[in-house]
Structures are given as C-alpha cells and as structure tokens.
Amino acid sequence: MTVVKVFVNYKESILNPEAQAIQQALGRLGYDNITQVKVGKSFELTFADGMTREAIEKEVNEISDRMLANYNMENYTYEISESEDLS
C-alpha cells in the first residue's frame, strides 16, 4: 500500500485569525519564543497496490486541486510513503 499525507495551509498573504489567537494565547502562557503559528488541515490517502509513483502524484495533485485545497487561499504539500498492510 502507498500512503500519502496531504497538508493544507493558508497562503502567507491570507489572514488566519485562528492561528493568531493561538499565538497570542501562547504568549500569555509565557511561550514568548514562538514567532509564527500555522493552522491547517491534513488528509491521509491510501492508494491501491500496483500504481506507479507518477500516477499517484498525478492523482494526489488532482484531488488536492479539486477538493482538498482552495487554490485562492491555500497551498498544499504531501509526503508519499510505502506502508505494510497490518491486517
């Protein structure tokens, strides 16, 4: 099995009030060394065996562009790893 973890975050130019609130709260708790907080979403996609890495990357990009990330406001990255079937 191939597992892909997709991470979606706001673009740098987009205001993220949730991240700002967390950063302010951390400061009030004494964590003054935090210079930036990012809040985002993560997804884990498991692909069937037999697909090439290129085919997986193509599908991940299509899925992320069409469904997981709002391209006007968000960026995404992903990590691909092989996983053993533990069932």
C-alpha atoms as a PDB file:
ATOM      1  CA  MET A   1       0.000   0.000   0.000  1.00  0.00           C
ATOM      2  CA  THR A   2       1.038   3.546  -0.600  1.00  0.00           C
ATOM      3  CA  VAL A   3       0.010   6.175   1.917  1.00  0.00           C
ATOM      4  CA  VAL A   4       0.008   9.852   1.034  1.00  0.00           C
ATOM      5  CA  LYS A   5      -0.281  12.525   3.710  1.00  0.00           C
ATOM      6  CA  VAL A   6      -1.540  15.826   2.324  1.00  0.00           C
ATOM      7  CA  PHE A   7      -1.027  19.019   4.352  1.00  0.00           C
ATOM      8  CA  VAL A   8      -3.091  22.113   3.529  1.00  0.00           C
ATOM      9  CA  ASN A   9      -2.226  25.543   4.958  1.00  0.00           C
ATOM     10  CA  TYR A  10      -3.238  29.113   4.246  1.00  0.00           C
ATOM     11  CA  LYS A  11      -1.035  31.079   1.861  1.00  0.00           C
ATOM     12  CA  GLU A  12       1.247  33.636   3.524  1.00  0.00           C
ATOM     13  CA  SER A  13      -0.899  36.518   2.237  1.00  0.00           C
ATOM     14  CA  ILE A  14      -4.103  35.192   3.869  1.00  0.00           C
ATOM     15  CA  LEU A  15      -5.087  36.308   7.363  1.00  0.00           C
ATOM     16  CA  ASN A  16      -5.590  33.332   9.687  1.00  0.00           C
ATOM     17  CA  PRO A  17      -7.427  34.502  12.824  1.00  0.00           C
ATOM     18  CA  GLU A  18      -7.319  31.057  14.456  1.00  0.00           C
ATOM     19  CA  ALA A  19      -3.523  30.896  14.210  1.00  0.00           C
ATOM     20  CA  GLN A  20      -3.221  34.468  15.511  1.00  0.00           C
ATOM     21  CA  ALA A  21      -5.431  33.652  18.513  1.00  0.00           C
ATOM     22  CA  ILE A  22      -3.322  30.588  19.327  1.00  0.00           C
ATOM     23  CA  GLN A  23      -0.091  32.576  19.042  1.00  0.00           C
ATOM     24  CA  GLN A  24      -1.459  35.286  21.371  1.00  0.00           C
ATOM     25  CA  ALA A  25      -2.618  32.664  23.879  1.00  0.00           C
ATOM     26  CA  LEU A  26       0.812  31.023  23.809  1.00  0.00           C
ATOM     27  CA  GLY A  27       2.371  34.403  24.564  1.00  0.00           C
ATOM     28  CA  ARG A  28       0.029  34.886  27.528  1.00  0.00           C
ATOM     29  CA  LEU A  29       1.102  31.467  28.812  1.00  0.00           C
ATOM     30  CA  GLY A  30       4.742  32.519  28.693  1.00  0.00           C
ATOM     31  CA  TYR A  31       5.790  30.910  25.416  1.00  0.00           C
ATOM     32  CA  ASP A  32       7.387  34.060  24.046  1.00  0.00           C
ATOM     33  CA  ASN A  33       9.776  32.348  21.634  1.00  0.00           C
ATOM     34  CA  ILE A  34       7.018  31.326  19.204  1.00  0.00           C
ATOM     35  CA  THR A  35       7.273  33.635  16.196  1.00  0.00           C
ATOM     36  CA  GLN A  36       4.648  32.032  13.974  1.00  0.00           C
ATOM     37  CA  VAL A  37       1.759  29.588  14.265  1.00  0.00           C
ATOM     38  CA  LYS A  38       0.203  27.891  11.252  1.00  0.00           C
ATOM     39  CA  VAL A  39      -3.121  26.117  11.426  1.00  0.00           C
ATOM     40  CA  GLY A  40      -4.150  23.825   8.619  1.00  0.00           C
ATOM     41  CA  LYS A  41      -5.711  20.546   7.641  1.00  0.00           C
ATOM     42  CA  SER A  42      -4.211  17.154   6.978  1.00  0.00           C
ATOM     43  CA  PHE A  43      -5.534  14.211   4.994  1.00  0.00           C
ATOM     44  CA  GLU A  44      -4.281  10.651   4.669  1.00  0.00           C
ATOM     45  CA  LEU A  45      -4.972   8.873   1.384  1.00  0.00           C
ATOM     46  CA  THR A  46      -4.250   5.160   0.929  1.00  0.00           C
ATOM     47  CA  PHE A  47      -3.756   4.016  -2.655  1.00  0.00           C
ATOM     48  CA  ALA A  48      -4.209   0.533  -4.060  1.00  0.00           C
ATOM     49  CA  ASP A  49      -1.127  -1.525  -4.854  1.00  0.00           C
ATOM     50  CA  GLY A  50       0.202  -1.532  -8.386  1.00  0.00           C
ATOM     51  CA  MET A  51       0.121   2.214  -9.089  1.00  0.00           C
ATOM     52  CA  THR A  52       3.301   3.949 -10.164  1.00  0.00           C
ATOM     53  CA  ARG A  53       4.653   6.860  -8.163  1.00  0.00           C
ATOM     54  CA  GLU A  54       3.943   9.150 -11.125  1.00  0.00           C
ATOM     55  CA  ALA A  55       0.286   8.030 -11.269  1.00  0.00           C
ATOM     56  CA  ILE A  56      -0.091   8.539  -7.519  1.00  0.00           C
ATOM     57  CA  GLU A  57       1.435  12.025  -7.691  1.00  0.00           C
ATOM     58  CA  LYS A  58      -0.881  12.942 -10.577  1.00  0.00           C
ATOM     59  CA  GLU A  59      -3.961  11.800  -8.647  1.00  0.00           C
ATOM     60  CA  VAL A  60      -2.857  13.499  -5.410  1.00  0.00           C
ATOM     61  CA  ASN A  61      -2.369  16.787  -7.252  1.00  0.00           C
ATOM     62  CA  GLU A  62      -5.744  16.476  -8.997  1.00  0.00           C
ATOM     63  CA  ILE A  63      -7.556  15.588  -5.743  1.00  0.00           C
ATOM     64  CA  SER A  64      -5.831  18.371  -3.818  1.00  0.00           C
ATOM     65  CA  ASP A  65      -6.545  20.969  -6.518  1.00  0.00           C
ATOM     66  CA  ARG A  66     -10.171  19.926  -6.992  1.00  0.00           C
ATOM     67  CA  MET A  67     -11.257  19.071  -3.475  1.00  0.00           C
ATOM     68  CA  LEU A  68      -8.828  19.415  -0.560  1.00  0.00           C
ATOM     69  CA  ALA A  69      -7.368  22.909  -1.010  1.00  0.00           C
ATOM     70  CA  ASN A  70      -8.911  26.197  -2.069  1.00  0.00           C
ATOM     71  CA  TYR A  71      -6.300  27.363  -4.565  1.00  0.00           C
ATOM     72  CA  ASN A  72      -7.203  31.032  -3.974  1.00  0.00           C
ATOM     73  CA  MET A  73      -6.360  30.847  -0.267  1.00  0.00           C
ATOM     74  CA  GLU A  74      -4.400  27.670   0.442  1.00  0.00           C
ATOM     75  CA  ASN A  75      -1.264  25.772  -0.522  1.00  0.00           C
ATOM     76  CA  TYR A  76      -0.664  22.070  -0.096  1.00  0.00           C
ATOM     77  CA  THR A  77       2.268  19.736   0.242  1.00  0.00           C
ATOM     78  CA  TYR A  78       2.335  15.965   0.526  1.00  0.00           C
ATOM     79  CA  GLU A  79       4.504  13.065   1.617  1.00  0.00           C
ATOM     80  CA  ILE A  80       4.392   9.654  -0.035  1.00  0.00           C
ATOM     81  CA  SER A  81       5.363   6.526   1.888  1.00  0.00           C
ATOM     82  CA  GLU A  82       5.033   2.792   1.461  1.00  0.00           C
ATOM     83  CA  SER A  83       3.098   1.112   4.250  1.00  0.00           C
ATOM     84  CA  GLU A  84       2.857  -2.516   5.245  1.00  0.00           C
ATOM     85  CA  ASP A  85      -0.631  -3.973   5.473  1.00  0.00           C
ATOM     86  CA  LEU A  86      -1.017  -4.803   9.164  1.00  0.00           C
ATOM     87  CA  SER A  87      -4.380  -6.546   8.873  1.00  0.00           C
END
